[in-house]
């Protein structure tokens, strides 16, 4: 009897798939049954070797040995993962295994994890690809009925390989270079350093900001409060207020009412969900990703690491029923209109569609989930219901008044149809109320003045970065310089941004500060110093944003990988040749020019 070997990324995913396809017999490191063997990788089993694997001299960190640019790449397996690698290697070598199935996460990194194990084990057997966006039983069965040829994902693997090697080259060379120059362990990276630079630049702008005072005159009638223009001189505002009090009345100069529509929000991709979870729940980006991954493995949401905010056309017929099931699971008994066309756009779906709840939600015991999971699940479910709902319709009224020869303005809003906002506010009541409806007045009316007073204020600096606002900045970094038709912009990918933030904190370049829920991210003195000494190109989001776009083009087979790697090599050579010590900057001495065992960039 021949077997098909299925390899997943995690044991929990392997168990879920094994159950569906009938591999129910548990063995040491794999499942077996119904013609299948199902095993797992435990993340990255095979990783790029450290420099000393190429030459013993690289065991010491010396500037004169740079740049390190391997001609033939070497890989290694760490002791902690060696047993599982040997399990996979022996399974691949079994004579009764005739075919493999790559069932790692359906994305760039998942493809890399499988292929590295496959090649390191010296396997030459044919394999096909399982590509699914949901861990529901029905999705798994359908995926196995429609396994894809491995060749369709060769370009994806090639892009993943280039990303991994480019990060190694930049990380190893730049980290060693600046560590040697400043006699301190300094971690520099292709994506992490531009992200740190954004934090530093924001804090410098906040510290340099000089607030400017301004003054307005506010008029109060029985039902209207209107404001004047801003005055830089308080005396001018006080003169106007006095004149208004002398007049005792205001005149309605114009009344303009416009009906406006606010469309429902888009569905969540990973980054937009991380931003909302940070704002609403105080979750870190990594906490949101980990929680969403757990919900995915429990079959309650679709694939988490997506950069798409739409669904595909084939999903349209099932959407109304799914919306009703989600509403029922959340005990929301209000009738919800479903406009499927609002969330469908094939052209804007890349590898995976938006994050939405699955039909399994109907059978889930939400109250028994861990609190973090139930909160994230609720965010995803509410956004799903709202995105397909009616638009919010309202009237916006602008009243212009005059008093003592000066113009005053007030705006108000009247809700005509709450639409999707009614769904959101049922679960997340608004803390700040919208502008209230204004009384009915007509042009030319004279209204008695009740009060005129001067209010002072001052301009405010930009706010400190939260994880939510930093994620948005990473997502849009360099966007103004990349073509509008570029599919991926910014620093990193939805799957990697949380890890980048965690690296900044773990390496001592940034800290979280603030209360339990609302935390801000601040650069440390070490982080500020590092950004000061590295060249502009290495800390510019533009360079890595361009590289991310080229990696995506590689996936689409429209950019040459060899050309990309040549660019990386040329950049590092120039970096090493032109680097100089800034005598005004010093770091705490913490660097020893002998690499520790297992040192990682």
Protein backbone atom coordinates (compact mmCIF):
# COMPACT_ATOMS: atom_id res chain seq x y z
CA UNK A 1 0.00 0.00 0.00
CA UNK A 2 1.34 3.42 -0.97
CA UNK A 3 1.06 6.49 1.26
CA UNK A 4 0.85 10.22 0.62
CA UNK A 5 2.91 12.16 3.17
CA UNK A 6 1.21 15.40 4.25
CA UNK A 7 3.48 17.97 5.95
CA UNK A 8 1.99 20.86 7.93
CA UNK A 9 3.56 23.77 9.81
CA UNK A 10 2.29 22.93 13.32
CA UNK A 11 1.21 19.84 15.26
CA UNK A 12 -2.27 21.31 15.90
CA UNK A 13 -2.86 21.81 12.17
CA UNK A 14 -1.58 18.30 11.47
CA UNK A 15 -4.06 16.88 14.00
CA UNK A 16 -6.96 18.81 12.46
CA UNK A 17 -6.11 17.72 8.90
CA UNK A 18 -5.42 14.12 9.95
CA UNK A 19 -8.84 13.87 11.56
CA UNK A 20 -10.60 15.07 8.39
CA UNK A 21 -8.72 12.80 5.97
CA UNK A 22 -8.88 9.74 8.21
CA UNK A 23 -5.29 9.48 9.45
CA UNK A 24 -6.44 8.70 12.97
CA UNK A 25 -3.67 6.39 14.22
CA UNK A 26 -1.18 8.35 16.34
CA UNK A 27 2.51 7.46 15.85
CA UNK A 28 5.73 9.00 17.15
CA UNK A 29 5.83 12.37 15.34
CA UNK A 30 3.05 11.71 12.82
CA UNK A 31 -0.44 10.38 12.18
CA UNK A 32 -1.30 7.46 9.90
CA UNK A 33 -4.41 6.07 8.21
CA UNK A 34 -6.55 5.92 5.06
CA UNK A 35 -3.50 6.05 2.80
CA UNK A 36 -2.03 9.14 4.49
CA UNK A 37 0.88 9.96 6.78
CA UNK A 38 0.53 13.41 8.37
CA UNK A 39 3.47 15.09 10.09
CA UNK A 40 4.60 18.65 10.90
CA UNK A 41 7.52 21.08 10.88
CA UNK A 42 7.20 23.01 14.18
CA UNK A 43 7.89 26.29 12.37
CA UNK A 44 11.34 26.73 10.82
CA UNK A 45 13.09 23.36 11.14
CA UNK A 46 15.81 24.31 8.66
CA UNK A 47 17.49 27.72 8.86
CA UNK A 48 20.36 29.54 7.22
CA UNK A 49 23.71 28.64 8.75
CA UNK A 50 25.70 31.26 10.64
CA UNK A 51 28.82 32.82 9.03
CA UNK A 52 31.30 30.59 10.85
CA UNK A 53 29.83 27.61 8.97
CA UNK A 54 31.41 29.14 5.83
CA UNK A 55 34.77 29.99 7.41
CA UNK A 56 36.06 29.63 10.96
CA UNK A 57 37.44 33.18 10.86
CA UNK A 58 33.88 34.51 10.97
CA UNK A 59 33.65 33.23 14.54
CA UNK A 60 35.14 36.61 15.43
CA UNK A 61 33.47 39.83 14.39
CA UNK A 62 35.97 41.96 12.43
CA UNK A 63 35.27 44.79 10.04
CA UNK A 64 38.06 43.68 7.72
CA UNK A 65 36.21 40.37 7.07
CA UNK A 66 33.17 42.18 5.67
CA UNK A 67 31.15 41.90 3.55
CA UNK A 68 30.13 38.27 3.98
CA UNK A 69 28.39 37.22 0.75
CA UNK A 70 28.00 33.42 0.42
CA UNK A 71 28.29 32.00 -3.09
CA UNK A 72 26.70 28.71 -2.11
CA UNK A 73 24.22 28.90 0.75
CA UNK A 74 24.42 26.54 3.72
CA UNK A 75 21.66 25.50 6.10
CA UNK A 76 21.55 24.08 9.59
CA UNK A 77 19.18 22.27 11.92
CA UNK A 78 19.20 23.26 15.57
CA UNK A 79 19.42 20.61 18.29
CA UNK A 80 15.96 21.55 19.58
CA UNK A 81 14.32 20.64 16.26
CA UNK A 82 16.61 17.84 15.11
CA UNK A 83 14.31 15.01 16.24
CA UNK A 84 11.33 16.24 14.22
CA UNK A 85 13.49 16.86 11.17
CA UNK A 86 14.77 13.29 11.37
CA UNK A 87 11.18 12.06 11.63
CA UNK A 88 10.25 13.92 8.45
CA UNK A 89 13.39 12.79 6.65
CA UNK A 90 12.73 9.14 7.48
CA UNK A 91 9.08 9.44 6.41
CA UNK A 92 10.14 10.97 3.08
CA UNK A 93 12.60 8.12 2.56
CA UNK A 94 10.04 5.36 3.17
CA UNK A 95 9.58 3.24 0.07
CA UNK A 96 5.82 3.12 0.58
CA UNK A 97 5.60 6.96 0.42
CA UNK A 98 4.95 7.72 -3.23
CA UNK A 99 3.93 11.37 -3.06
CA UNK A 100 4.08 14.36 -0.70
CA UNK A 101 1.60 17.13 0.02
CA UNK A 102 2.80 20.56 1.16
CA UNK A 103 0.19 21.66 3.70
CA UNK A 104 2.14 24.40 5.48
CA UNK A 105 0.51 27.83 5.81
CA UNK A 106 -0.63 29.06 2.42
CA UNK A 107 1.77 31.95 1.97
CA UNK A 108 5.38 32.93 1.27
CA UNK A 109 6.85 31.76 4.57
CA UNK A 110 4.85 28.53 4.66
CA UNK A 111 6.18 27.66 1.23
CA UNK A 112 9.74 28.33 2.39
CA UNK A 113 9.39 26.16 5.51
CA UNK A 114 8.30 23.11 3.51
CA UNK A 115 10.75 23.48 0.64
CA UNK A 116 13.79 23.88 2.89
CA UNK A 117 12.92 20.67 4.75
CA UNK A 118 12.22 18.89 1.45
CA UNK A 119 15.60 19.90 -0.03
CA UNK A 120 17.61 19.42 3.18
CA UNK A 121 16.25 15.89 3.45
CA UNK A 122 17.40 15.22 -0.13
CA UNK A 123 13.88 14.26 -1.21
CA UNK A 124 13.07 14.03 -4.92
CA UNK A 125 9.58 12.58 -4.73
CA UNK A 126 6.76 14.52 -6.38
CA UNK A 127 4.58 16.77 -4.24
CA UNK A 128 1.45 18.84 -4.63
CA UNK A 129 0.18 21.89 -2.73
CA UNK A 130 -2.78 22.21 -0.36
CA UNK A 131 -3.93 25.84 -0.58
CA UNK A 132 -6.84 26.72 1.71
CA UNK A 133 -8.11 29.82 3.49
CA UNK A 134 -10.07 28.06 6.22
CA UNK A 135 -9.50 25.14 8.56
CA UNK A 136 -13.16 24.09 8.39
CA UNK A 137 -13.63 20.39 7.64
CA UNK A 138 -15.38 21.20 4.36
CA UNK A 139 -12.53 23.50 3.25
CA UNK A 140 -9.94 20.82 4.05
CA UNK A 141 -11.87 18.16 2.12
CA UNK A 142 -12.32 20.49 -0.85
CA UNK A 143 -8.63 21.43 -0.73
CA UNK A 144 -7.55 17.77 -0.90
CA UNK A 145 -9.89 17.24 -3.83
CA UNK A 146 -8.18 20.13 -5.64
CA UNK A 147 -4.49 19.84 -4.77
CA UNK A 148 -2.36 22.20 -6.87
CA UNK A 149 0.75 21.27 -8.86
CA UNK A 150 3.91 22.21 -6.96
CA UNK A 151 5.25 24.10 -9.99
CA UNK A 152 2.53 26.74 -9.53
CA UNK A 153 4.30 27.84 -6.34
CA UNK A 154 7.91 27.76 -7.52
CA UNK A 155 7.92 31.55 -7.95
CA UNK A 156 6.48 32.01 -4.47
CA UNK A 157 9.29 29.85 -3.05
CA UNK A 158 11.86 31.78 -5.06
CA UNK A 159 10.63 35.08 -3.61
CA UNK A 160 10.66 33.61 -0.09
CA UNK A 161 14.23 32.39 -0.60
CA UNK A 162 15.35 35.83 -1.77
CA UNK A 163 13.64 37.50 1.17
CA UNK A 164 15.35 35.15 3.64
CA UNK A 165 18.78 35.54 2.06
CA UNK A 166 18.49 39.32 1.66
CA UNK A 167 17.58 39.66 5.34
CA UNK A 168 20.56 37.44 6.28
CA UNK A 169 22.97 39.49 4.17
CA UNK A 170 21.76 42.85 5.49
CA UNK A 171 21.39 41.65 9.07
CA UNK A 172 24.73 39.83 9.35
CA UNK A 173 26.84 42.46 7.60
CA UNK A 174 25.23 45.63 8.97
CA UNK A 175 25.03 44.26 12.52
CA UNK A 176 28.70 43.20 12.50
CA UNK A 177 29.78 46.42 10.82
CA UNK A 178 28.22 48.78 13.35
CA UNK A 179 28.98 46.51 16.28
CA UNK A 180 32.67 46.64 15.32
CA UNK A 181 32.65 50.39 14.69
CA UNK A 182 31.06 51.22 18.05
CA UNK A 183 32.30 48.32 20.19
CA UNK A 184 28.75 47.40 21.19
CA UNK A 185 26.30 44.73 20.07
CA UNK A 186 24.02 46.51 17.59
CA UNK A 187 21.34 44.64 15.65
CA UNK A 188 20.58 46.18 12.27
CA UNK A 189 17.97 44.84 9.85
CA UNK A 190 16.38 45.52 6.48
CA UNK A 191 12.94 46.16 7.95
CA UNK A 192 13.50 46.62 11.68
CA UNK A 193 15.86 49.61 11.30
CA UNK A 194 13.54 51.75 9.10
CA UNK A 195 10.74 50.97 11.56
CA UNK A 196 12.92 52.16 14.43
CA UNK A 197 13.76 55.29 12.41
CA UNK A 198 10.05 56.16 12.19
CA UNK A 199 9.78 55.93 15.99
CA UNK A 200 12.85 58.14 16.46
CA UNK A 201 11.72 60.74 13.92
CA UNK A 202 8.28 60.97 15.53
CA UNK A 203 9.78 61.55 19.01
CA UNK A 204 12.20 64.15 17.66
CA UNK A 205 9.29 66.01 16.05
CA UNK A 206 7.32 65.90 19.31
CA UNK A 207 10.28 67.21 21.35
CA UNK A 208 10.99 69.98 18.83
CA UNK A 209 7.35 71.06 18.66
CA UNK A 210 6.59 74.53 20.04
CA UNK A 211 2.87 74.98 20.81
CA UNK A 212 1.18 78.14 19.62
CA UNK A 213 -1.62 79.75 21.63
CA UNK A 214 -4.80 80.79 19.88
CA UNK A 215 -8.14 82.26 20.93
CA UNK A 216 -11.70 82.05 19.67
CA UNK A 217 -14.90 83.83 20.61
CA UNK A 218 -17.84 81.53 21.34
CA UNK A 219 -21.41 82.75 21.12
CA UNK A 220 -24.23 81.04 22.98
CA UNK A 221 -27.91 81.42 22.15
CA UNK A 222 -30.71 79.32 23.62
CA UNK A 223 -29.96 76.41 21.28
CA UNK A 224 -26.81 77.23 19.31
CA UNK A 225 -23.12 77.50 20.24
CA UNK A 226 -21.02 79.02 17.44
CA UNK A 227 -17.31 79.84 17.14
CA UNK A 228 -15.36 82.61 15.45
CA UNK A 229 -12.11 82.27 13.53
CA UNK A 230 -8.90 81.84 15.51
CA UNK A 231 -7.06 84.88 16.86
CA UNK A 232 -3.36 84.82 17.72
CA UNK A 233 -3.79 87.88 19.97
CA UNK A 234 -6.06 87.47 23.01
CA UNK A 235 -6.81 91.20 23.16
CA UNK A 236 -8.34 91.08 19.68
CA UNK A 237 -10.61 88.21 20.75
CA UNK A 238 -11.65 90.08 23.93
CA UNK A 239 -12.51 93.19 21.91
CA UNK A 240 -14.77 91.12 19.64
CA UNK A 241 -16.45 89.40 22.60
CA UNK A 242 -17.21 92.80 24.17
CA UNK A 243 -18.73 94.10 20.93
CA UNK A 244 -20.90 90.99 20.64
CA UNK A 245 -22.18 91.48 24.19
CA UNK A 246 -23.08 95.07 23.28
CA UNK A 247 -25.03 93.92 20.21
CA UNK A 248 -27.11 91.40 22.25
CA UNK A 249 -28.09 89.55 19.07
CA UNK A 250 -26.84 87.48 16.15
CA UNK A 251 -28.05 87.26 12.58
CA UNK A 252 -28.42 84.05 10.58
CA UNK A 253 -26.52 84.69 7.36
CA UNK A 254 -26.92 81.27 5.72
CA UNK A 255 -28.16 77.75 6.37
CA UNK A 256 -26.75 74.92 4.23
CA UNK A 257 -27.96 71.35 4.58
CA UNK A 258 -26.44 68.45 2.65
CA UNK A 259 -27.41 64.80 2.73
CA UNK A 260 -24.32 62.61 3.02
CA UNK A 261 -23.56 58.89 3.03
CA UNK A 262 -20.93 57.02 5.00
CA UNK A 263 -20.13 53.66 3.44
CA UNK A 264 -19.65 50.57 5.61
CA UNK A 265 -16.03 49.82 6.59
CA UNK A 266 -14.03 47.26 4.63
CA UNK A 267 -13.53 43.76 5.95
CA UNK A 268 -10.41 43.12 8.00
CA UNK A 269 -7.04 42.14 6.71
CA UNK A 270 -4.49 41.26 9.39
CA UNK A 271 -3.00 44.74 9.78
CA UNK A 272 -6.33 46.59 10.06
CA UNK A 273 -7.51 44.04 12.64
CA UNK A 274 -4.29 44.47 14.62
CA UNK A 275 -4.79 48.22 14.60
CA UNK A 276 -8.39 48.00 15.86
CA UNK A 277 -7.49 45.38 18.46
CA UNK A 278 -4.78 47.70 19.76
CA UNK A 279 -7.16 50.68 19.87
CA UNK A 280 -10.24 48.91 21.25
CA UNK A 281 -8.71 46.12 23.37
CA UNK A 282 -5.18 47.30 24.05
CA UNK A 283 -3.73 44.17 22.40
CA UNK A 284 -0.22 44.15 20.96
CA UNK A 285 0.14 43.27 17.29
CA UNK A 286 1.76 39.95 18.22
CA UNK A 287 -1.00 39.13 20.72
CA UNK A 288 -3.62 39.73 18.04
CA UNK A 289 -1.79 37.56 15.50
CA UNK A 290 -1.30 34.72 17.98
CA UNK A 291 -4.95 34.88 19.05
CA UNK A 292 -6.18 34.97 15.48
CA UNK A 293 -3.97 31.99 14.60
CA UNK A 294 -5.51 30.03 17.46
CA UNK A 295 -9.02 30.90 16.24
CA UNK A 296 -8.01 29.78 12.74
CA UNK A 297 -6.78 26.45 14.05
CA UNK A 298 -10.08 26.08 15.92
CA UNK A 299 -11.82 26.57 12.55
CA UNK A 300 -13.63 29.75 13.72
CA UNK A 301 -12.03 32.29 11.36
CA UNK A 302 -10.39 32.17 7.95
CA UNK A 303 -6.66 32.44 7.21
CA UNK A 304 -5.14 35.25 9.33
CA UNK A 305 -1.99 36.37 7.46
CA UNK A 306 -3.77 38.15 4.65
CA UNK A 307 -3.38 41.59 3.11
CA UNK A 308 -6.76 41.48 1.33
CA UNK A 309 -9.93 43.22 2.52
CA UNK A 310 -12.37 41.69 0.04
CA UNK A 311 -13.91 38.30 -0.79
CA UNK A 312 -14.09 36.45 -4.10
CA UNK A 313 -17.12 36.21 -6.38
CA UNK A 314 -17.66 32.51 -5.73
CA UNK A 315 -18.40 33.33 -2.07
CA UNK A 316 -21.29 35.71 -2.83
CA UNK A 317 -24.16 33.16 -2.82
CA UNK A 318 -23.31 31.89 0.67
CA UNK A 319 -22.82 35.29 2.30
CA UNK A 320 -26.41 36.08 3.40
CA UNK A 321 -26.74 32.79 5.26
CA UNK A 322 -23.30 33.25 6.86
CA UNK A 323 -24.21 36.76 8.04
CA UNK A 324 -27.39 35.41 9.68
CA UNK A 325 -25.43 32.58 11.33
CA UNK A 326 -22.86 35.03 12.71
CA UNK A 327 -25.58 37.35 14.01
CA UNK A 328 -27.34 34.45 15.72
CA UNK A 329 -24.08 33.27 17.31
CA UNK A 330 -23.65 36.76 18.81
CA UNK A 331 -27.32 36.91 19.91
CA UNK A 332 -27.95 39.88 17.63
CA UNK A 333 -31.60 39.53 16.70
CA UNK A 334 -31.98 42.65 14.54
CA UNK A 335 -32.71 41.97 10.87
CA UNK A 336 -29.52 42.67 8.89
CA UNK A 337 -29.62 43.55 5.19
CA UNK A 338 -26.85 41.87 3.23
CA UNK A 339 -25.24 43.66 0.28
CA UNK A 340 -22.74 41.05 -0.87
CA UNK A 341 -21.45 43.23 -3.71
CA UNK A 342 -19.88 45.62 -1.21
CA UNK A 343 -17.39 43.01 0.00
CA UNK A 344 -16.71 41.21 -3.31
CA UNK A 345 -13.79 42.20 -5.53
CA UNK A 346 -11.72 39.49 -7.20
CA UNK A 347 -9.17 42.03 -8.44
CA UNK A 348 -8.29 43.03 -4.87
CA UNK A 349 -7.85 39.53 -3.45
CA UNK A 350 -4.25 38.33 -3.49
CA UNK A 351 -3.27 34.94 -2.03
CA UNK A 352 -6.10 34.96 0.52
CA UNK A 353 -9.35 36.83 1.00
CA UNK A 354 -10.23 38.98 4.01
CA UNK A 355 -10.47 37.59 7.55
CA UNK A 356 -14.08 36.56 8.28
CA UNK A 357 -15.85 34.14 10.63
CA UNK A 358 -16.59 30.62 9.42
CA UNK A 359 -19.79 28.57 9.60
CA UNK A 360 -18.29 26.73 12.56
CA UNK A 361 -19.16 29.78 14.64
CA UNK A 362 -22.74 28.47 14.80
CA UNK A 363 -21.56 25.45 16.78
CA UNK A 364 -18.96 27.21 18.91
CA UNK A 365 -19.32 27.88 22.61
CA UNK A 366 -18.03 31.42 22.49
CA UNK A 367 -18.44 31.94 26.24
CA UNK A 368 -16.02 29.07 26.88
CA UNK A 369 -13.24 30.52 24.73
CA UNK A 370 -10.32 32.33 26.41
CA UNK A 371 -11.19 35.99 26.86
CA UNK A 372 -8.67 37.20 24.27
CA UNK A 373 -10.07 34.81 21.65
CA UNK A 374 -13.70 35.76 22.31
CA UNK A 375 -12.80 39.47 22.04
CA UNK A 376 -10.94 39.08 18.73
CA UNK A 377 -13.67 36.81 17.38
CA UNK A 378 -16.27 39.44 18.25
CA UNK A 379 -14.28 42.15 16.44
CA UNK A 380 -14.07 40.00 13.30
CA UNK A 381 -17.74 39.02 13.47
CA UNK A 382 -19.04 42.57 14.02
CA UNK A 383 -16.90 43.91 11.18
CA UNK A 384 -18.20 41.13 8.91
CA UNK A 385 -21.84 42.00 9.64
CA UNK A 386 -21.22 45.75 9.31
CA UNK A 387 -19.27 45.52 6.05
CA UNK A 388 -22.22 43.93 4.24
CA UNK A 389 -24.79 46.27 5.81
CA UNK A 390 -26.60 49.43 4.74
CA UNK A 391 -24.71 52.70 4.46
CA UNK A 392 -25.19 55.33 7.17
CA UNK A 393 -27.19 58.30 5.84
CA UNK A 394 -27.25 61.67 7.56
CA UNK A 395 -27.86 65.38 7.04
CA UNK A 396 -25.02 67.77 7.78
CA UNK A 397 -26.10 71.34 8.49
CA UNK A 398 -23.77 74.35 8.48
CA UNK A 399 -25.13 77.59 9.94
CA UNK A 400 -23.20 80.82 9.41
CA UNK A 401 -23.96 83.67 11.78
CA UNK A 402 -22.77 87.25 12.14
CA UNK A 403 -22.37 89.42 15.20
CA UNK A 404 -20.52 92.72 15.58
CA UNK A 405 -19.40 92.42 11.97
CA UNK A 406 -17.62 89.07 12.50
CA UNK A 407 -18.54 85.65 11.09
CA UNK A 408 -19.36 82.66 13.32
CA UNK A 409 -19.99 79.04 12.29
CA UNK A 410 -21.61 75.98 13.78
CA UNK A 411 -22.15 72.50 12.31
CA UNK A 412 -24.65 69.81 13.24
CA UNK A 413 -25.69 66.36 12.11
CA UNK A 414 -29.02 64.57 11.89
CA UNK A 415 -28.98 60.79 11.37
CA UNK A 416 -31.50 59.68 8.73
CA UNK A 417 -30.54 55.99 8.66
CA UNK A 418 -28.00 54.47 11.06
CA UNK A 419 -27.26 51.56 8.75
CA UNK A 420 -24.05 49.68 9.56
CA UNK A 421 -23.29 51.99 12.50
CA UNK A 422 -26.25 50.56 14.40
CA UNK A 423 -24.57 47.14 14.30
CA UNK A 424 -21.20 48.45 15.49
CA UNK A 425 -22.63 50.66 18.24
CA UNK A 426 -24.72 47.78 19.59
CA UNK A 427 -21.49 45.96 20.45
CA UNK A 428 -19.15 48.94 20.85
CA UNK A 429 -21.08 52.02 22.06
CA UNK A 430 -19.41 55.22 20.89
CA UNK A 431 -17.54 57.08 23.63
CA UNK A 432 -17.67 60.34 21.70
CA UNK A 433 -21.01 61.52 20.36
CA UNK A 434 -21.39 62.87 16.84
CA UNK A 435 -22.31 66.50 16.34
CA UNK A 436 -25.88 67.04 17.56
CA UNK A 437 -28.79 68.11 15.40
CA UNK A 438 -29.25 71.87 15.14
CA UNK A 439 -32.53 73.76 15.59
CA UNK A 440 -34.44 74.83 12.51
CA UNK A 441 -33.52 78.41 11.62
CA UNK A 442 -33.86 80.46 8.47
CA UNK A 443 -31.61 82.91 6.69
CA UNK A 444 -32.17 86.46 7.96
CA UNK A 445 -33.44 85.45 11.40
CA UNK A 446 -32.31 87.55 14.36
CA UNK A 447 -31.58 85.50 17.50
CA UNK A 448 -31.01 86.90 21.01
CA UNK A 449 -27.47 86.41 22.32
CA UNK A 450 -27.19 84.74 25.74
CA UNK A 451 -23.41 84.76 26.19
CA UNK A 452 -20.14 85.70 24.44
CA UNK A 453 -16.85 84.50 25.87
CA UNK A 454 -13.22 84.01 24.89
CA UNK A 455 -11.88 80.46 24.80
CA UNK A 456 -8.15 79.79 24.63
CA UNK A 457 -6.41 76.80 23.08
CA UNK A 458 -3.05 75.72 21.72
CA UNK A 459 -1.79 73.73 18.80
CA UNK A 460 -0.79 70.15 19.57
CA UNK A 461 2.13 68.03 18.35
CA UNK A 462 1.75 64.70 16.60
CA UNK A 463 0.80 61.91 18.97
CA UNK A 464 3.27 59.27 20.14
CA UNK A 465 3.08 56.06 18.16
CA UNK A 466 0.85 53.31 19.51
CA UNK A 467 1.19 49.85 18.00
CA UNK A 468 -1.92 50.57 15.97
CA UNK A 469 -0.62 53.83 14.50
CA UNK A 470 2.86 52.36 13.95
CA UNK A 471 1.33 49.44 12.04
CA UNK A 472 -0.48 51.96 9.83
CA UNK A 473 2.75 53.90 9.28
CA UNK A 474 4.57 50.67 8.38
CA UNK A 475 1.79 49.70 6.00
CA UNK A 476 1.91 53.03 4.14
CA UNK A 477 5.66 53.79 4.38
CA UNK A 478 7.13 54.82 1.04
CA UNK A 479 3.72 54.63 -0.63
CA UNK A 480 4.00 58.10 -2.12
CA UNK A 481 7.10 57.02 -4.08
CA UNK A 482 5.83 53.66 -5.29
CA UNK A 483 3.55 53.41 -8.35
CA UNK A 484 -0.17 53.57 -7.58
CA UNK A 485 -0.70 50.18 -9.20
CA UNK A 486 1.80 48.51 -6.88
CA UNK A 487 0.07 45.68 -5.03
CA UNK A 488 2.20 45.71 -1.88
CA UNK A 489 3.69 48.76 -0.27
CA UNK A 490 5.20 49.61 3.06
CA UNK A 491 7.56 47.98 5.55
CA UNK A 492 7.28 44.22 5.91
CA UNK A 493 4.12 42.23 5.29
CA UNK A 494 0.99 41.68 7.41
CA UNK A 495 2.56 38.42 8.61
CA UNK A 496 5.86 39.99 9.75
CA UNK A 497 5.00 43.43 11.19
CA UNK A 498 4.10 42.19 14.66
CA UNK A 499 7.41 40.35 14.91
CA UNK A 500 9.32 43.46 13.84
CA UNK A 501 7.80 45.48 16.70
CA UNK A 502 8.63 42.71 19.16
CA UNK A 503 12.26 42.63 17.94
CA UNK A 504 12.63 46.36 18.57
CA UNK A 505 11.53 45.86 22.16
CA UNK A 506 13.47 42.64 22.81
CA UNK A 507 16.71 44.18 21.49
CA UNK A 508 16.39 47.26 23.68
CA UNK A 509 15.72 49.77 20.91
CA UNK A 510 12.16 50.62 22.00
CA UNK A 511 9.88 50.28 25.02
CA UNK A 512 6.16 50.14 25.65
CA UNK A 513 5.01 52.89 28.00
CA UNK A 514 1.67 53.87 29.51
CA UNK A 515 -1.27 52.32 31.30
CA UNK A 516 -2.48 48.74 30.94
CA UNK A 517 -4.64 49.38 27.86
CA UNK A 518 -3.32 52.48 26.11
CA UNK A 519 0.40 51.96 25.60
CA UNK A 520 2.69 54.04 23.43
CA UNK A 521 5.96 53.00 21.81
CA UNK A 522 9.06 55.07 22.57
CA UNK A 523 12.62 54.68 21.26
CA UNK A 524 15.31 54.14 23.87
CA UNK A 525 18.56 56.09 23.97
CA UNK A 526 20.22 53.10 22.29
CA UNK A 527 17.59 53.17 19.55
CA UNK A 528 18.07 56.90 18.94
CA UNK A 529 21.85 56.47 18.75
CA UNK A 530 21.58 53.60 16.27
CA UNK A 531 19.33 55.59 13.94
CA UNK A 532 21.78 58.49 14.18
CA UNK A 533 24.78 56.44 12.98
CA UNK A 534 23.30 54.31 10.17
CA UNK A 535 23.15 55.84 6.68
CA UNK A 536 19.92 57.25 5.30
CA UNK A 537 19.37 54.46 2.80
CA UNK A 538 19.48 51.77 5.48
CA UNK A 539 16.88 53.53 7.64
CA UNK A 540 14.69 54.78 4.82
CA UNK A 541 11.36 52.98 4.46
CA UNK A 542 11.59 53.68 0.74
CA UNK A 543 14.34 51.11 0.10
CA UNK A 544 12.68 48.20 1.85
CA UNK A 545 9.27 49.18 0.45
CA UNK A 546 10.76 48.92 -3.03
CA UNK A 547 12.23 45.53 -2.13
CA UNK A 548 8.86 44.28 -0.89
CA UNK A 549 7.35 45.30 -4.21
CA UNK A 550 10.08 43.46 -6.11
CA UNK A 551 9.52 40.34 -4.01
CA UNK A 552 5.86 40.46 -4.96
CA UNK A 553 6.84 40.87 -8.60
CA UNK A 554 9.01 37.76 -8.22
CA UNK A 555 5.93 35.87 -7.00
CA UNK A 556 4.21 37.07 -10.19
CA UNK A 557 7.28 36.05 -12.25
CA UNK A 558 7.82 39.61 -13.48
CA UNK A 559 11.14 40.33 -11.76
CA UNK A 560 14.42 38.40 -11.84
CA UNK A 561 15.64 37.00 -8.53
CA UNK A 562 19.31 37.11 -9.58
CA UNK A 563 18.99 40.82 -10.27
CA UNK A 564 17.46 41.35 -6.83
CA UNK A 565 20.28 39.52 -5.06
CA UNK A 566 22.88 41.49 -7.06
CA UNK A 567 21.27 44.70 -5.79
CA UNK A 568 21.50 43.45 -2.21
CA UNK A 569 25.17 42.54 -2.62
CA UNK A 570 26.03 45.90 -4.21
CA UNK A 571 24.25 47.75 -1.41
CA UNK A 572 26.16 45.87 1.32
CA UNK A 573 29.54 46.39 -0.40
CA UNK A 574 28.89 50.12 -0.57
CA UNK A 575 27.71 50.13 3.06
CA UNK A 576 30.95 48.52 4.29
CA UNK A 577 33.20 50.70 2.08
CA UNK A 578 31.67 54.02 3.13
CA UNK A 579 30.90 53.46 6.84
CA UNK A 580 32.62 55.85 9.25
CA UNK A 581 32.51 56.29 13.01
CA UNK A 582 30.59 59.29 14.35
CA UNK A 583 32.79 60.45 17.25
CA UNK A 584 29.85 62.20 18.93
CA UNK A 585 27.99 58.91 19.42
CA UNK A 586 28.92 56.21 21.91
CA UNK A 587 27.18 53.06 23.08
CA UNK A 588 27.57 51.16 26.32
CA UNK A 589 30.43 48.69 25.74
CA UNK A 590 28.76 45.31 25.50
CA UNK A 591 30.39 43.80 22.47
CA UNK A 592 32.94 41.00 22.41
CA UNK A 593 34.47 40.18 19.07
CA UNK A 594 33.96 36.49 19.50
CA UNK A 595 30.62 35.15 18.36
CA UNK A 596 28.65 33.28 20.97
CA UNK A 597 27.53 29.78 20.15
CA UNK A 598 24.29 29.97 18.21
CA UNK A 599 24.47 33.77 17.93
CA UNK A 600 21.68 34.98 15.68
CA UNK A 601 21.46 38.29 13.86
